[in-house]
Protein backbone atom coordinates (compact mmCIF):
# COMPACT_ATOMS: atom_id res chain seq x y z
CA MET A 1 4.42 -3.88 14.87
CA LYS A 2 2.35 -0.96 13.66
CA PRO A 3 -1.37 -1.62 13.11
CA PHE A 4 -1.88 -0.80 9.41
CA THR A 5 -0.89 -2.38 6.11
CA VAL A 6 -1.85 -0.26 3.12
CA VAL A 7 -2.61 -2.03 -0.16
CA THR A 8 -2.74 -0.12 -3.43
CA PRO A 9 -2.57 -0.92 -7.13
CA TYR A 10 0.53 0.28 -8.95
CA SER A 11 0.19 3.53 -10.86
CA PRO A 12 3.20 4.89 -12.77
CA GLY A 13 4.22 8.47 -12.19
CA PRO A 14 5.65 10.90 -9.66
CA PHE A 15 2.35 11.46 -7.79
CA PHE A 16 2.18 7.75 -6.96
CA GLU A 17 5.71 7.77 -5.56
CA LYS A 18 4.95 10.86 -3.45
CA THR A 19 1.89 9.10 -2.08
CA LEU A 20 3.97 6.03 -1.23
CA LEU A 21 6.57 8.14 0.57
CA SER A 22 3.85 9.87 2.55
CA LEU A 23 2.28 6.58 3.56
CA THR A 24 5.57 4.95 4.57
CA LYS A 25 6.35 7.89 6.87
CA ALA A 26 3.01 7.60 8.65
CA PRO A 27 3.54 6.43 12.25
CA LEU A 28 0.73 3.85 12.13
CA VAL A 29 1.66 2.20 8.81
CA GLU A 30 3.79 -0.93 9.00
CA CYS A 31 4.13 -1.35 5.24
CA VAL A 32 2.64 -0.57 1.86
CA LEU A 33 1.85 -3.48 -0.45
CA ILE A 34 1.76 -2.52 -4.13
CA VAL A 35 -0.24 -4.84 -6.36
CA THR A 36 0.86 -5.00 -9.98
CA GLN A 37 0.48 -7.35 -12.92
CA GLY A 38 4.12 -6.99 -13.98
CA PRO A 39 7.54 -6.26 -12.49
CA VAL A 40 8.00 -2.87 -10.85
CA HIS A 41 11.27 -1.50 -9.52
CA LEU A 42 10.70 0.82 -6.60
CA LYS A 43 13.29 1.56 -3.96
CA ILE A 44 11.09 2.95 -1.24
CA PRO A 45 11.56 1.59 2.28
CA ARG A 46 8.64 -0.33 3.80
CA CYS A 47 7.09 -0.94 0.37
CA ARG A 48 6.66 -4.41 -1.09
CA VAL A 49 5.47 -5.44 -4.53
CA LEU A 50 2.99 -8.25 -5.10
CA ILE A 51 2.82 -9.44 -8.71
CA ALA A 52 -0.67 -10.80 -9.20
CA GLY A 53 -3.79 -10.51 -11.32
CA PRO A 54 -6.39 -7.75 -11.16
CA LEU A 55 -6.75 -6.20 -7.69
CA PHE A 56 -10.29 -7.42 -7.10
CA SER A 57 -9.88 -10.95 -8.37
CA ARG A 58 -10.47 -13.70 -5.82
CA GLU A 59 -6.92 -15.00 -6.27
CA THR A 60 -5.30 -11.61 -5.73
CA LEU A 61 -7.41 -10.82 -2.67
CA SER A 62 -6.50 -14.23 -1.23
CA LEU A 63 -2.79 -13.53 -1.78
CA ILE A 64 -3.12 -10.13 -0.12
CA LEU A 65 -4.91 -11.57 2.91
CA GLU A 66 -2.32 -14.35 3.25
CA ASP A 67 0.46 -11.73 3.24
CA ILE A 68 -0.98 -9.31 5.81
CA ARG A 69 0.38 -9.54 9.35
CA THR A 70 -1.07 -6.35 10.82
CA LYS A 71 -4.34 -5.86 12.68
CA TYR A 72 -5.83 -3.56 10.02
CA LEU A 73 -5.80 -3.32 6.24
CA LEU A 74 -6.40 -0.12 4.29
CA LEU A 75 -7.22 -0.90 0.66
CA LEU A 76 -6.78 2.06 -1.68
CA THR A 77 -8.36 1.42 -5.05
CA LYS A 78 -6.82 4.57 -6.58
CA THR A 79 -4.10 6.94 -5.43
CA ASP A 80 -4.49 9.71 -7.98
CA LYS A 81 -6.48 11.88 -5.56
CA PHE A 82 -5.34 10.47 -2.24
CA ARG A 83 -3.81 12.86 0.26
CA SER A 84 -2.34 11.69 3.51
CA SER A 85 -2.53 14.04 6.46
CA PRO A 86 -0.33 13.64 9.55
CA LYS A 87 -3.50 14.03 11.67
CA LEU A 88 -4.96 10.95 10.00
CA TRP A 89 -2.14 8.70 11.18
CA ARG A 90 -1.46 10.04 14.67
CA GLU A 91 -1.76 7.61 17.53
CA SER A 92 -4.25 8.63 20.22
């Protein structure tokens, strides 16, 4: 199992999907968990959708923590300006 699970709120649009694709190709990312308050239909490998309340509510954070099986969690609060670099995810 890879060491990272990335959690991010859903954001409609092509930039969000590009970010997801970049993250799922990173060698240290096991999966990306997308938190949304309604159904979302994404067909991107290694991405899962969690339908829950607001990202920072106690209930949602509890659900996220119950779902994580990796050693580390990367919580992205926004993805509109996030850029993933291959250097960032390389194993040492």
